[in-house]
Every structure is written in C-alpha cells, then in structure tokens.
Amino acid sequence: MVYNVNLANLLVLDIETVPASPDFQHLPDYWKGLWEDKMSKTMPENFSHTEWYAQRAGILAEFGKIICISTGCFYQDANGETGFRLKSLSGDDEKKLLLDFLGILHTFRDKRNTVILAGHNIKEFDIPYICRRLMIHHVALPEMLQLSAKKPWETNMLDTMELWKFGDYKNYISLNLLAAVLGIETPKDDIDGSMVRDVYYREHDLQRIAVYCQKDVVTVANIILRFKSLPLLDKEHIVIS
C-alpha cells in the first residue's frame, strides 16, 4: 500500500495518554477493585497495585485518558517541494480534545476526499484508544472510525510498525528503533513515553508533551518517505499551525 499511496491523502497522527487518576490511591474503591480484577493475572509479583497503576494505567483506555493528539499532513509548496504541516491538540478536557480531533478529520476529508490515517502501531493502539474514549464520552464514531465489522484491508490505515513486519507477524519494533535503523533522526531527545505521566501530573507542561508528540509524528512521516524512497523532510518545510 505504501508504495503507491498518495501522500496528500495521509493524515499522520500520534496520541499521548496518562492514567485518568494521578495515582491508584485517588481511585474510588469500586474502580480500585476493577483495576485489581483486570490486573489479577498479569501484574508481576514484585509490583504493588500503586506501582503498576502508575506504569500501566495510561495505556489502557478503560483506566487512562488522552491529553494530546498531534496530526500532520503532507503538502507541496509553490516550488514543488514536499512540506509537512503539524497541528497539536492538548488539554485536560478530553472530550473537547476528541471533538476537536473529529473536526480535523472532517475538514481533512472534505478537502482531500480520501483520508488514510497513518502512524506507528496505530492499528493496535492509537485508533482503538481514540475509539474507546469516544464511546466512553458518549460521542458517536464517524464512519471512518467505525472499524469493528471491517476487514483489515477495508480500513484506510497505514501503520509503519506493520510495514516493517514484511509479513512477519511476530515482529515488534519501537518507533525509536525503526527510526535509528533507517538513519532517521531520533525523536527521543527530551522526554519519552515513560515520562509523560510525571510531566503532566507533576509539571502540567502540556506544551512540552505536545512538542514530544509532534516529533513522533514527523518521525513517522519521514519513515513513510523512506519506504517510498523519497527525500526526508527539510526542517524549513515543517510548519506548525
């Protein structure tokens, strides 16, 4: 798919998530029980629920929340050079953030007609997480996110982790490692995913988290360009709106 995909139809995205509660002790007793039941067979013996919640709750849509969604799209400037336009949504009000993201989706579809969502591990994490959180907030899923009954080839998604598998379904590779092996500048030059919770709850530095998220989006865009044997993005052609 990547070799003949039109770059103009790609909406590259990445999300940043945190536990919905600052720590396990702040959860209502009922939710503590739900967490303990969920983790009963998977939590390592040397961890407490407090420690494991801090590490794992953010990646579970039932116990976490989205605090940032960054998107990027390719464009051509007046000289025919490939550029990339970034936009980040961040905040404490997750429902508003998700509704604003749906607005970006609809605007992109109206302008380009075709929308192909792109990202790293997007099929198993970002998109399912977004859909679950939309459902939790009682927001109807737009047609392009109604994926439950669709076959894999019927979904308009481009996943760079899947591209690297080349049919090897056992393979897993992080974005950082994939960028490194392809000779692309690593995005992990400030914080990494394990630090997002503390940056949010202790520093409440949403701008720092948004910048980190944007770097991942640019890295995914460059990986796609590398797969298509095209030049990587010049920094002067990356625009933040």
Protein backbone atom coordinates (compact mmCIF):
# COMPACT_ATOMS: atom_id res chain seq x y z
CA MET A 1 0.00 0.00 0.00
CA VAL A 2 2.72 2.47 0.93
CA TYR A 3 4.44 2.33 -2.45
CA ASN A 4 1.51 3.74 -4.42
CA VAL A 5 -0.22 5.76 -1.71
CA ASN A 6 -0.76 9.45 -2.43
CA LEU A 7 0.99 11.42 0.31
CA ALA A 8 -1.67 14.12 0.09
CA ASN A 9 -4.26 11.63 1.44
CA LEU A 10 -2.29 10.77 4.59
CA LEU A 11 -3.19 12.19 7.98
CA VAL A 12 -0.34 11.19 10.28
CA LEU A 13 -1.18 11.13 13.97
CA ASP A 14 0.10 10.23 17.41
CA ILE A 15 -1.51 10.40 20.84
CA GLU A 16 -0.16 10.85 24.35
CA THR A 17 -2.03 9.23 27.23
CA VAL A 18 -1.83 9.21 31.02
CA PRO A 19 -3.66 7.44 33.85
CA ALA A 20 -7.07 9.06 34.36
CA SER A 21 -6.25 9.48 38.06
CA PRO A 22 -2.96 10.89 39.36
CA ASP A 23 -2.35 7.67 41.28
CA PHE A 24 -4.02 4.47 42.42
CA GLN A 25 -4.92 5.86 45.85
CA HIS A 26 -7.12 8.56 44.27
CA LEU A 27 -9.35 5.97 42.59
CA PRO A 28 -12.80 5.29 44.11
CA ASP A 29 -12.89 1.94 45.90
CA TYR A 30 -15.09 0.42 43.19
CA TRP A 31 -12.55 1.34 40.50
CA LYS A 32 -9.71 0.04 42.63
CA GLY A 33 -11.50 -3.30 42.61
CA LEU A 34 -11.97 -3.18 38.85
CA TRP A 35 -8.26 -2.44 38.40
CA GLU A 36 -7.22 -5.28 40.73
CA ASP A 37 -9.51 -7.68 38.88
CA LYS A 38 -8.15 -6.55 35.49
CA MET A 39 -4.55 -6.97 36.66
CA SER A 40 -5.05 -10.18 38.65
CA LYS A 41 -3.31 -12.41 36.09
CA THR A 42 -0.80 -10.02 34.53
CA MET A 43 0.73 -7.88 37.28
CA PRO A 44 4.24 -9.05 38.23
CA GLU A 45 4.53 -10.38 41.78
CA ASN A 46 7.16 -7.82 42.78
CA PHE A 47 4.85 -4.86 41.98
CA SER A 48 2.15 -3.26 44.08
CA HIS A 49 -1.08 -2.04 42.52
CA THR A 50 0.05 1.52 43.21
CA GLU A 51 3.28 1.00 41.23
CA TRP A 52 1.63 -0.97 38.43
CA TYR A 53 -1.17 1.57 38.03
CA ALA A 54 1.39 4.35 37.58
CA GLN A 55 3.16 2.35 34.88
CA ARG A 56 0.29 0.75 33.00
CA ALA A 57 -2.99 2.61 33.51
CA GLY A 58 -2.20 5.20 30.86
CA ILE A 59 -2.06 2.66 28.04
CA LEU A 60 -5.45 1.15 28.92
CA ALA A 61 -8.39 3.15 27.57
CA GLU A 62 -10.59 1.98 30.46
CA PHE A 63 -8.25 3.50 33.04
CA GLY A 64 -6.44 6.23 31.10
CA LYS A 65 -7.17 9.35 29.11
CA ILE A 66 -5.79 11.23 26.10
CA ILE A 67 -4.09 14.54 26.83
CA CYS A 68 -2.58 15.27 23.41
CA ILE A 69 -3.26 14.40 19.77
CA SER A 70 -0.81 15.62 17.17
CA THR A 71 -1.58 15.43 13.46
CA GLY A 72 0.44 16.13 10.34
CA CYS A 73 -0.25 16.24 6.63
CA PHE A 74 1.95 16.50 3.55
CA TYR A 75 1.70 19.37 1.11
CA GLN A 76 3.64 20.77 -1.83
CA ASP A 77 4.85 24.36 -1.79
CA ALA A 78 4.96 26.74 -4.75
CA ASN A 79 8.32 25.27 -5.81
CA GLY A 80 7.06 21.71 -5.77
CA GLU A 81 8.95 20.87 -2.56
CA THR A 82 7.34 18.43 -0.14
CA GLY A 83 6.36 20.04 3.13
CA PHE A 84 4.62 18.87 6.27
CA ARG A 85 2.07 20.78 8.33
CA LEU A 86 1.65 19.96 12.04
CA LYS A 87 -1.19 20.69 14.43
CA SER A 88 -1.45 19.61 18.07
CA LEU A 89 -4.44 19.45 20.36
CA SER A 90 -3.77 19.20 24.08
CA GLY A 91 -5.59 19.84 27.31
CA ASP A 92 -7.27 18.48 30.42
CA ASP A 93 -10.76 18.31 28.86
CA GLU A 94 -10.51 15.04 26.95
CA LYS A 95 -13.99 15.23 25.42
CA LYS A 96 -13.27 18.65 23.92
CA LEU A 97 -9.93 17.39 22.64
CA LEU A 98 -11.60 14.43 20.95
CA LEU A 99 -14.33 16.58 19.40
CA ASP A 100 -11.70 18.96 18.05
CA PHE A 101 -9.87 15.97 16.57
CA LEU A 102 -13.05 14.82 14.83
CA GLY A 103 -13.28 18.32 13.40
CA ILE A 104 -9.80 17.91 11.92
CA LEU A 105 -10.83 14.56 10.43
CA HIS A 106 -13.94 16.02 8.80
CA THR A 107 -12.07 19.05 7.45
CA PHE A 108 -9.33 16.85 6.03
CA ARG A 109 -11.88 14.55 4.38
CA ASP A 110 -13.75 17.48 2.87
CA LYS A 111 -10.53 18.91 1.39
CA ARG A 112 -8.88 15.68 0.23
CA ASN A 113 -11.90 13.37 -0.27
CA THR A 114 -9.82 10.38 0.82
CA VAL A 115 -8.43 10.01 4.35
CA ILE A 116 -5.74 7.47 5.19
CA LEU A 117 -4.78 7.55 8.86
CA ALA A 118 -1.08 6.87 9.43
CA GLY A 119 1.05 6.26 12.49
CA HIS A 120 3.28 3.80 14.32
CA ASN A 121 1.32 0.95 15.93
CA ILE A 122 -1.76 2.96 15.06
CA LYS A 123 -3.89 -0.11 14.40
CA GLU A 124 -3.35 -1.68 17.81
CA PHE A 125 -3.04 1.41 20.00
CA ASP A 126 -3.85 4.95 18.81
CA ILE A 127 -7.04 4.33 16.83
CA PRO A 128 -8.61 1.74 19.18
CA TYR A 129 -7.78 4.00 22.13
CA ILE A 130 -9.40 7.03 20.45
CA CYS A 131 -12.50 5.00 19.56
CA ARG A 132 -12.88 3.63 23.10
CA ARG A 133 -12.51 7.06 24.67
CA LEU A 134 -15.08 8.49 22.23
CA MET A 135 -17.52 5.76 23.28
CA ILE A 136 -16.83 6.44 26.97
CA HIS A 137 -17.69 10.12 26.37
CA HIS A 138 -20.90 9.14 24.50
CA VAL A 139 -19.62 10.57 21.22
CA ALA A 140 -20.79 8.78 18.07
CA LEU A 141 -17.99 7.36 15.96
CA PRO A 142 -17.69 8.88 12.48
CA GLU A 143 -17.91 6.41 9.61
CA MET A 144 -14.14 6.37 9.08
CA LEU A 145 -13.67 5.15 12.68
CA GLN A 146 -16.40 2.51 12.60
CA LEU A 147 -13.92 -0.34 12.27
CA SER A 148 -15.42 -3.23 14.25
CA ALA A 149 -17.06 -5.03 11.33
CA LYS A 150 -14.44 -4.19 8.71
CA LYS A 151 -11.79 -6.49 7.31
CA PRO A 152 -8.17 -5.31 7.74
CA TRP A 153 -7.94 -4.40 4.05
CA GLU A 154 -11.13 -2.34 4.29
CA THR A 155 -9.66 0.13 6.79
CA ASN A 156 -7.84 3.17 5.49
CA MET A 157 -4.83 2.99 7.79
CA LEU A 158 -1.09 2.94 7.18
CA ASP A 159 0.91 1.54 10.10
CA THR A 160 4.70 1.89 9.97
CA MET A 161 5.16 -0.91 12.50
CA GLU A 162 3.16 -3.19 10.22
CA LEU A 163 5.16 -2.08 7.19
CA TRP A 164 8.37 -3.16 8.91
CA LYS A 165 6.97 -6.63 9.61
CA PHE A 166 7.07 -7.57 5.90
CA GLY A 167 4.66 -10.39 6.70
CA ASP A 168 6.43 -11.45 9.94
CA TYR A 169 3.53 -11.21 12.39
CA LYS A 170 5.75 -11.92 15.42
CA ASN A 171 7.89 -8.84 14.87
CA TYR A 172 7.63 -5.78 17.09
CA ILE A 173 9.74 -2.65 16.73
CA SER A 174 9.59 0.65 18.58
CA LEU A 175 9.40 3.92 16.67
CA ASN A 176 12.75 4.94 18.13
CA LEU A 177 14.50 1.78 16.93
CA LEU A 178 12.89 1.87 13.49
CA ALA A 179 13.99 5.48 13.04
CA ALA A 180 17.54 4.59 14.12
CA VAL A 181 17.93 1.64 11.76
CA LEU A 182 16.63 3.71 8.85
CA GLY A 183 19.03 6.55 9.61
CA ILE A 184 16.32 8.98 10.67
CA GLU A 185 16.93 11.45 13.50
CA THR A 186 15.53 10.05 16.73
CA PRO A 187 12.55 11.89 18.24
CA LYS A 188 13.53 10.93 21.82
CA ASP A 189 15.79 13.89 22.57
CA ASP A 190 13.84 15.31 25.53
CA ILE A 191 11.26 13.04 27.14
CA ASP A 192 9.97 9.57 26.30
CA GLY A 193 6.65 7.85 26.82
CA SER A 194 7.51 6.68 30.33
CA MET A 195 7.94 10.32 31.44
CA VAL A 196 4.67 11.74 30.09
CA ARG A 197 2.69 10.92 33.24
CA ASP A 198 5.07 12.83 35.51
CA VAL A 199 5.38 15.77 33.10
CA TYR A 200 1.59 16.02 33.07
CA TYR A 201 0.70 15.44 36.72
CA ARG A 202 3.75 16.99 38.40
CA GLU A 203 4.65 19.80 35.98
CA HIS A 204 1.43 20.13 33.96
CA ASP A 205 3.61 21.06 31.00
CA LEU A 206 1.25 20.31 28.12
CA GLN A 207 3.36 22.27 25.66
CA ARG A 208 6.38 20.05 26.35
CA ILE A 209 4.23 16.97 25.83
CA ALA A 210 2.81 18.41 22.57
CA VAL A 211 6.33 19.07 21.23
CA TYR A 212 7.31 15.49 22.05
CA CYS A 213 4.18 14.20 20.32
CA GLN A 214 4.87 16.32 17.23
CA LYS A 215 8.38 14.89 16.95
CA ASP A 216 6.91 11.39 16.79
CA VAL A 217 4.54 12.48 14.01
CA VAL A 218 7.43 13.94 11.99
CA THR A 219 9.43 10.74 12.53
CA VAL A 220 6.55 8.64 11.19
CA ALA A 221 6.28 10.95 8.18
CA ASN A 222 9.98 10.51 7.44
CA ILE A 223 9.72 6.72 7.79
CA ILE A 224 6.93 6.74 5.21
CA LEU A 225 9.08 8.84 2.88
CA ARG A 226 11.95 6.39 3.36
CA PHE A 227 9.68 3.48 2.42
CA LYS A 228 8.74 5.37 -0.73
CA SER A 229 12.43 6.11 -1.48
CA LEU A 230 11.76 9.85 -1.28
CA PRO A 231 13.93 12.54 0.37
CA LEU A 232 13.33 13.17 4.06
CA LEU A 233 11.64 16.37 5.21
CA ASP A 234 13.76 19.50 5.50
CA LYS A 235 13.21 21.28 8.80
CA GLU A 236 12.38 24.51 6.98
CA HIS A 237 9.49 22.72 5.27
CA ILE A 238 7.89 21.62 8.57
CA VAL A 239 5.17 24.09 9.58
CA ILE A 240 3.39 24.15 12.93
CA SER A 241 -0.09 25.65 12.79
